[in-house]
Protein backbone atom coordinates (compact mmCIF):
# COMPACT_ATOMS: atom_id res chain seq x y z
CA MET A 1 -110.26 36.34 129.96
CA GLU A 2 -111.46 33.96 132.86
CA ALA A 3 -112.42 31.59 130.57
CA LYS A 4 -108.83 31.65 128.97
CA ASN A 5 -107.43 31.28 132.54
CA THR A 6 -109.53 28.74 132.99
CA ARG A 7 -108.06 26.76 130.38
CA LYS A 8 -104.77 27.29 131.23
CA GLN A 9 -105.21 26.01 134.35
CA ARG A 10 -106.61 22.85 133.21
CA PHE A 11 -103.73 22.77 131.07
CA LEU A 12 -101.17 23.07 133.64
CA ARG A 13 -102.65 20.44 136.50
CA LYS A 14 -102.32 18.01 133.23
CA ARG A 15 -98.36 18.81 132.78
CA ARG A 16 -97.87 19.13 136.49
CA LEU A 17 -94.94 16.37 137.16
CA LYS A 18 -94.05 14.29 140.40
CA VAL A 19 -90.98 13.85 141.89
CA GLU A 20 -90.68 9.99 140.58
CA ASP A 21 -91.45 11.46 137.24
CA VAL A 22 -88.01 12.99 137.16
CA ASN A 23 -84.73 10.92 135.97
CA VAL A 24 -82.00 12.11 137.49
CA VAL A 25 -78.47 11.56 135.40
CA ASP A 26 -75.17 10.33 136.60
CA ASN A 27 -73.64 11.59 133.26
CA SER A 28 -70.23 9.21 133.95
CA MET A 29 -73.06 6.54 134.07
CA LEU A 30 -74.82 7.64 131.36
CA LYS A 31 -71.72 7.87 129.16
CA LYS A 32 -70.75 4.18 129.96
CA ALA A 33 -74.25 2.74 129.49
CA ILE A 34 -74.46 4.39 125.87
CA GLY A 35 -70.91 3.36 124.72
CA GLY A 36 -71.44 -0.25 126.16
CA THR A 37 -74.41 -0.33 124.50
CA VAL A 38 -74.61 1.10 121.05
CA VAL A 39 -70.99 -0.59 120.49
CA GLY A 40 -72.92 -4.05 121.44
CA ASN A 41 -75.43 -3.29 119.09
CA LEU A 42 -73.39 -2.43 116.25
CA MET A 43 -71.75 -5.73 116.89
CA GLU A 44 -75.04 -7.76 117.15
CA TRP A 45 -75.93 -6.16 113.70
CA TYR A 46 -72.51 -6.52 111.67
CA ASP A 47 -73.24 -10.54 112.80
CA VAL A 48 -76.60 -10.20 111.50
CA GLY A 49 -75.98 -8.07 108.00
CA VAL A 50 -72.34 -9.51 106.84
CA TYR A 51 -74.98 -12.84 106.10
CA GLY A 52 -76.76 -10.64 103.31
CA TYR A 53 -73.35 -9.55 101.69
CA LEU A 54 -72.52 -13.07 101.49
CA ALA A 55 -75.90 -14.47 100.70
CA VAL A 56 -75.22 -15.29 96.78
CA ILE A 57 -71.52 -17.47 97.87
CA ILE A 58 -73.42 -19.06 101.18
CA GLY A 59 -76.47 -20.01 98.78
CA LYS A 60 -73.61 -21.80 96.57
CA LEU A 61 -72.13 -23.24 98.60
CA PHE A 62 -75.10 -25.13 101.51
CA MET A 63 -76.93 -26.09 98.11
CA PRO A 64 -76.37 -28.36 95.82
CA ASP A 65 -74.42 -27.53 92.61
CA THR A 66 -77.38 -29.53 90.08
CA VAL A 67 -79.83 -26.90 92.19
CA GLU A 68 -80.36 -23.61 89.75
CA PRO A 69 -78.56 -20.47 90.95
CA ALA A 70 -82.19 -18.60 91.47
CA ILE A 71 -83.10 -21.37 93.96
CA GLN A 72 -79.85 -21.36 95.89
CA THR A 73 -80.23 -17.63 96.57
CA LEU A 74 -83.58 -18.13 97.42
CA PHE A 75 -82.84 -20.59 100.31
CA SER A 76 -80.04 -18.15 101.49
CA LEU A 77 -82.63 -15.25 101.64
CA GLY A 78 -85.14 -17.62 103.14
CA VAL A 79 -82.63 -18.69 105.84
CA PHE A 80 -81.80 -15.06 106.24
CA ALA A 81 -85.72 -14.98 106.65
CA VAL A 82 -85.80 -17.38 109.60
CA THR A 83 -84.09 -14.82 112.31
CA PHE A 84 -87.37 -12.99 111.73
CA VAL A 85 -89.38 -16.14 113.13
CA ALA A 86 -87.35 -16.26 116.12
CA ARG A 87 -87.07 -12.59 116.81
CA PRO A 88 -90.42 -12.21 118.56
CA LEU A 89 -89.12 -15.32 120.98
CA GLY A 90 -86.05 -13.75 121.61
CA GLY A 91 -87.91 -10.44 122.62
CA VAL A 92 -90.61 -12.03 124.71
CA ILE A 93 -88.17 -14.60 126.81
CA LEU A 94 -85.37 -12.40 127.15
CA GLY A 95 -86.73 -9.47 127.36
CA GLN A 96 -89.17 -10.80 130.64
CA LEU A 97 -86.25 -12.46 131.98
CA GLY A 98 -84.21 -9.08 131.82
CA ASP A 99 -87.47 -7.38 134.00
CA ARG A 100 -86.23 -10.08 136.72
CA VAL A 101 -82.32 -10.62 136.65
CA GLY A 102 -81.71 -7.28 135.20
CA ARG A 103 -81.00 -5.65 131.74
CA GLN A 104 -76.85 -5.71 132.08
CA LYS A 105 -77.19 -9.73 132.26
CA ILE A 106 -79.24 -10.02 129.12
CA LEU A 107 -77.54 -7.79 127.38
CA VAL A 108 -74.26 -9.61 128.19
CA PHE A 109 -76.24 -13.22 127.24
CA THR A 110 -77.45 -11.56 123.56
CA LEU A 111 -73.60 -10.34 123.00
CA LEU A 112 -72.16 -13.66 124.15
CA MET A 113 -75.13 -15.93 121.93
CA MET A 114 -74.94 -13.88 119.17
CA ALA A 115 -70.92 -13.74 118.79
CA THR A 116 -70.73 -17.83 118.94
CA ALA A 117 -73.63 -18.34 116.50
CA THR A 118 -71.84 -16.11 113.85
CA PHE A 119 -68.26 -17.57 114.64
CA GLY A 120 -70.47 -20.71 114.50
CA ILE A 121 -71.17 -20.08 110.75
CA GLY A 122 -67.95 -19.23 109.72
CA ILE A 123 -66.41 -22.36 110.82
CA LEU A 124 -69.91 -24.75 109.65
CA PRO A 125 -68.62 -27.18 106.51
CA ASP A 126 -70.65 -26.38 103.66
CA TYR A 127 -72.90 -29.20 101.45
CA SER A 128 -69.78 -30.61 99.71
CA VAL A 129 -68.59 -31.86 102.95
CA TRP A 130 -71.48 -32.85 105.11
CA GLY A 131 -74.48 -32.82 102.69
CA VAL A 132 -77.57 -32.06 104.09
CA ALA A 133 -76.75 -31.68 107.29
CA ALA A 134 -75.10 -28.13 106.93
CA PRO A 135 -78.35 -25.93 105.56
CA ILE A 136 -79.99 -27.55 108.59
CA LEU A 137 -77.32 -26.43 110.90
CA LEU A 138 -77.23 -23.09 109.35
CA VAL A 139 -81.07 -22.49 109.89
CA VAL A 140 -79.81 -23.41 113.56
CA LEU A 141 -77.19 -21.03 114.27
CA LYS A 142 -79.50 -18.42 112.11
CA LEU A 143 -82.66 -19.32 114.45
CA ALA A 144 -79.80 -18.61 117.52
CA GLN A 145 -79.23 -15.29 115.88
CA GLY A 146 -82.93 -14.23 115.88
CA PHE A 147 -83.19 -15.00 119.24
CA SER A 148 -80.62 -13.36 120.21
CA THR A 149 -81.40 -10.37 117.77
CA GLY A 150 -84.69 -10.00 119.10
CA GLY A 151 -83.88 -9.85 122.90
CA GLU A 152 -80.60 -7.61 122.18
CA TYR A 153 -82.62 -5.15 120.63
CA ALA A 154 -85.60 -5.13 123.62
CA GLY A 155 -83.13 -5.15 126.32
CA ALA A 156 -80.78 -2.17 124.56
CA THR A 157 -83.93 0.39 123.87
CA THR A 158 -85.44 0.00 127.35
CA PHE A 159 -81.58 0.10 129.06
CA ILE A 160 -81.29 3.52 127.20
CA THR A 161 -84.27 4.96 127.43
CA GLU A 162 -84.46 4.29 131.25
CA TYR A 163 -80.92 5.77 131.32
CA ALA A 164 -81.61 9.05 129.63
CA PRO A 165 -82.20 12.10 130.53
CA ASP A 166 -86.06 13.16 130.17
CA LYS A 167 -85.65 15.98 127.86
CA ARG A 168 -83.33 14.20 125.35
CA ARG A 169 -84.69 10.38 125.67
CA GLY A 170 -85.47 10.14 121.72
CA PHE A 171 -81.75 11.23 121.10
CA PHE A 172 -80.25 8.77 123.07
CA ALA A 173 -82.29 6.11 121.97
CA SER A 174 -81.81 6.46 118.47
CA LEU A 175 -78.35 6.06 118.89
CA LEU A 176 -79.06 2.68 119.10
CA ASP A 177 -80.42 2.55 115.39
CA LEU A 178 -77.11 4.78 114.81
CA GLY A 179 -75.04 1.42 116.17
CA SER A 180 -77.17 -0.85 114.07
CA TYR A 181 -76.69 0.65 110.75
CA MET A 182 -73.05 1.52 111.18
CA GLY A 183 -72.81 -2.50 111.89
CA PHE A 184 -74.52 -3.11 108.78
CA ALA A 185 -71.94 -0.31 106.98
CA LEU A 186 -69.31 -2.17 108.77
CA GLY A 187 -70.24 -5.68 107.46
CA ALA A 188 -70.70 -4.14 103.95
CA ALA A 189 -67.51 -2.53 104.14
CA PHE A 190 -65.35 -5.59 105.34
CA VAL A 191 -66.87 -7.74 102.71
CA SER A 192 -66.34 -5.04 99.99
CA ILE A 193 -62.47 -4.93 100.95
CA LEU A 194 -62.09 -8.66 100.90
CA GLN A 195 -63.77 -9.02 97.39
CA LEU A 196 -61.72 -6.43 95.88
CA THR A 197 -58.57 -7.70 96.87
CA LEU A 198 -59.09 -11.39 96.73
CA SER A 199 -60.65 -13.68 93.36
CA ASP A 200 -63.69 -15.02 93.23
CA ASP A 201 -62.27 -18.53 93.84
CA VAL A 202 -60.57 -17.58 96.99
CA MET A 203 -63.94 -16.01 98.32
CA GLU A 204 -65.86 -19.00 97.74
CA GLY A 205 -62.78 -21.20 98.74
CA PHE A 206 -62.13 -20.00 102.41
CA ALA A 207 -62.03 -16.39 101.99
CA TRP A 208 -66.25 -16.04 102.84
CA ARG A 209 -65.65 -16.95 106.23
CA ILE A 210 -63.61 -14.42 107.68
CA PRO A 211 -66.29 -12.01 108.41
CA PHE A 212 -67.72 -14.65 110.20
CA LEU A 213 -64.76 -15.71 112.77
CA VAL A 214 -63.97 -11.78 112.73
CA ALA A 215 -67.52 -11.93 115.22
CA LEU A 216 -65.73 -13.64 117.72
CA PRO A 217 -62.74 -10.74 118.95
CA LEU A 218 -65.18 -8.08 118.12
CA GLY A 219 -67.55 -9.88 120.71
CA VAL A 220 -65.03 -9.89 123.06
CA ILE A 221 -64.46 -6.47 122.58
CA ALA A 222 -67.88 -5.22 122.85
CA LEU A 223 -68.18 -7.45 125.88
CA TRP A 224 -65.64 -5.56 127.55
CA PHE A 225 -67.64 -2.28 126.79
CA ARG A 226 -70.96 -3.81 128.05
CA ALA A 227 -69.34 -5.11 131.71
CA LYS A 228 -68.55 -1.94 132.50
CA ILE A 229 -72.25 -0.85 132.36
CA GLU A 230 -74.46 -1.26 135.45
CA ASP A 231 -78.14 -1.72 135.64
CA THR A 232 -80.04 1.12 135.42
CA PRO A 233 -81.50 3.19 138.81
CA ALA A 234 -85.13 3.02 137.12
CA PHE A 235 -84.62 -1.30 137.51
CA LYS A 236 -83.15 -0.92 140.70
CA GLU A 237 -86.10 0.85 142.11
CA ALA A 238 -88.52 -1.37 140.48
CA GLN A 239 -86.71 -4.09 142.28
CA GLU A 240 -87.10 -2.57 145.56
CA ALA A 241 -90.68 -1.87 144.74
CA ALA A 242 -91.44 -5.34 143.89
CA ASN A 243 -89.93 -6.65 147.27
CA ARG A 244 -92.00 -4.35 148.88
CA ALA A 245 -94.72 -5.66 146.84
CA SER A 246 -93.79 -9.09 148.24
CA GLU A 247 -94.90 -8.35 151.61
CA ASP A 248 -98.07 -6.50 150.44
CA ALA A 249 -99.92 -8.08 147.50
CA ARG A 250 -102.05 -5.54 146.98
CA SER A 251 -99.33 -3.06 145.48
CA ALA A 252 -98.50 -5.54 142.62
CA ALA A 253 -102.28 -6.67 141.67
CA ASP A 254 -102.74 -3.94 138.83
CA ALA A 255 -99.48 -5.06 137.05
CA PRO A 256 -99.78 -7.25 133.88
CA LYS A 257 -98.50 -11.02 134.89
CA GLY A 258 -97.12 -12.78 131.74
CA VAL A 259 -97.41 -12.65 127.95
CA ILE A 260 -101.48 -12.94 127.54
CA ASP A 261 -102.22 -10.27 130.50
CA LEU A 262 -100.10 -7.59 128.89
CA VAL A 263 -101.51 -7.88 125.56
CA LYS A 264 -104.58 -7.57 127.08
CA ALA A 265 -103.97 -4.73 129.10
CA TYR A 266 -101.79 -2.91 126.42
CA TRP A 267 -102.80 -4.20 122.83
CA ARG A 268 -103.32 -0.78 121.53
CA GLU A 269 -100.00 0.11 122.50
CA LEU A 270 -98.37 -2.89 121.31
CA LEU A 271 -100.48 -3.29 117.81
CA THR A 272 -99.37 0.81 117.13
CA GLY A 273 -95.48 -0.47 117.61
CA PHE A 274 -96.24 -3.90 115.95
CA VAL A 275 -97.19 -1.74 112.75
CA LEU A 276 -94.62 1.07 112.72
CA VAL A 277 -91.77 -1.59 112.99
CA SER A 278 -92.84 -4.12 111.02
CA ALA A 279 -93.00 -0.54 108.16
CA ALA A 280 -89.88 0.41 109.10
CA ASN A 281 -88.36 -3.09 108.83
CA THR A 282 -89.61 -3.62 105.47
CA ALA A 283 -87.82 -0.89 104.19
CA GLY A 284 -84.73 -1.17 105.98
CA TYR A 285 -83.84 -4.88 105.39
CA ALA A 286 -84.79 -4.76 102.09
CA LEU A 287 -81.77 -1.77 101.87
CA THR A 288 -79.28 -3.55 104.20
CA SER A 289 -79.49 -7.29 103.69
CA TYR A 290 -81.32 -7.70 100.05
CA MET A 291 -80.45 -5.34 98.14
CA PRO A 292 -76.99 -6.51 97.52
CA THR A 293 -78.29 -10.02 96.39
CA TYR A 294 -80.36 -7.64 94.31
CA LEU A 295 -77.84 -5.81 92.54
CA THR A 296 -75.90 -8.99 91.79
CA GLU A 297 -78.47 -11.27 91.01
CA THR A 298 -81.17 -8.94 89.26
CA LEU A 299 -79.25 -6.19 87.69
CA GLU A 300 -75.87 -8.08 87.05
CA TYR A 301 -73.71 -6.25 89.09
CA ASP A 302 -70.34 -7.77 90.45
CA PRO A 303 -70.48 -8.59 93.88
CA VAL A 304 -67.78 -5.80 94.32
CA HIS A 305 -70.36 -2.99 93.40
CA GLY A 306 -73.47 -4.68 94.65
CA ASN A 307 -72.35 -3.53 97.96
CA LEU A 308 -70.11 -0.65 97.45
CA LEU A 309 -73.27 0.85 96.31
CA THR A 310 -75.22 0.00 99.46
CA LEU A 311 -72.54 0.92 101.56
CA PRO A 312 -72.93 5.33 101.47
CA ILE A 313 -76.49 4.92 101.70
CA LEU A 314 -76.43 2.68 105.19
CA VAL A 315 -73.67 5.50 106.24
CA GLY A 316 -75.99 8.12 105.06
CA MET A 317 -79.01 7.05 107.03
CA SER A 318 -76.93 6.39 110.19
CA LEU A 319 -76.38 9.94 110.44
CA CYS A 320 -79.90 11.10 110.21
CA ILE A 321 -81.15 8.70 112.74
CA PRO A 322 -80.02 11.04 115.73
CA LEU A 323 -81.56 14.09 113.93
CA ALA A 324 -84.75 12.24 114.17
CA GLY A 325 -84.17 11.71 117.41
CA LYS A 326 -83.61 14.81 118.52
CA LEU A 327 -86.01 16.41 116.28
CA SER A 328 -88.76 13.92 118.47
CA ASP A 329 -87.30 15.56 122.06
CA SER A 330 -88.51 18.66 120.31
CA VAL A 331 -91.96 18.39 118.29
CA GLY A 332 -92.72 15.43 120.06
CA ARG A 333 -92.59 11.66 119.09
């Protein structure tokens, strides 16, 4: 009995919280933060996803007619893959800037950058007009999208987790991915409506540009939501602590400085996160971005059915993500 009480006391000592461990939440600000972040995230991933649903058309238009259709599709998918090259860089650079100037400012910047790059794709002349310059500029715009996406997701995740109540952090953080997949679903639905109502010639002539051009007004709406949110109390406290530390340099001596120090200090956590996110994104983007192309090019469905078959899966996945987040609050990550 005595040994049992000793184990219980040891457990309680490990679980004891300090005042600074408890996150006091302002519900009105929490609602604004969630609304602004999720709406912005939805818009960002609409921009990312809509390219995947038009990849076959884009491949035809931005490569010479003499190139085989399979090569045109590979080029289009290769351009999409370029975004993943820029995403880590965006996460590192904009993530560190967010720690200095504030999450909200960086989230506004990523939203503007994404909307501008997506709109740029919509007005970009194709290969028949600009020749080889057209695919080169397409790659540049996709790199800008990737850089923006890396900063968006890093900043938005940090923002939500810092605002969320302690006991519901998994649920509120999961709303970001709800917004992401709903953004993909919105892109798939919009492209499908165009394909159902317009002929193939019209789609390849001008209509394929419409989903990209719509990104600008969508971006303005999302920006309005995002401009209403404030930086998190956790960030403000960190800024105050940093100001105090400037007077006493020893207070900041233990904090990692720069990317190299960060990797040295937290390489195990970073490696675990890298593997988990790589696995999830491999499966996720195979469905959200490559599946319509696979259904059209390999299984020979028409483009309309290629997108429509993906749409209900995206909606189903979106609705399941908050359930997993809520479950993580109960049983652990």
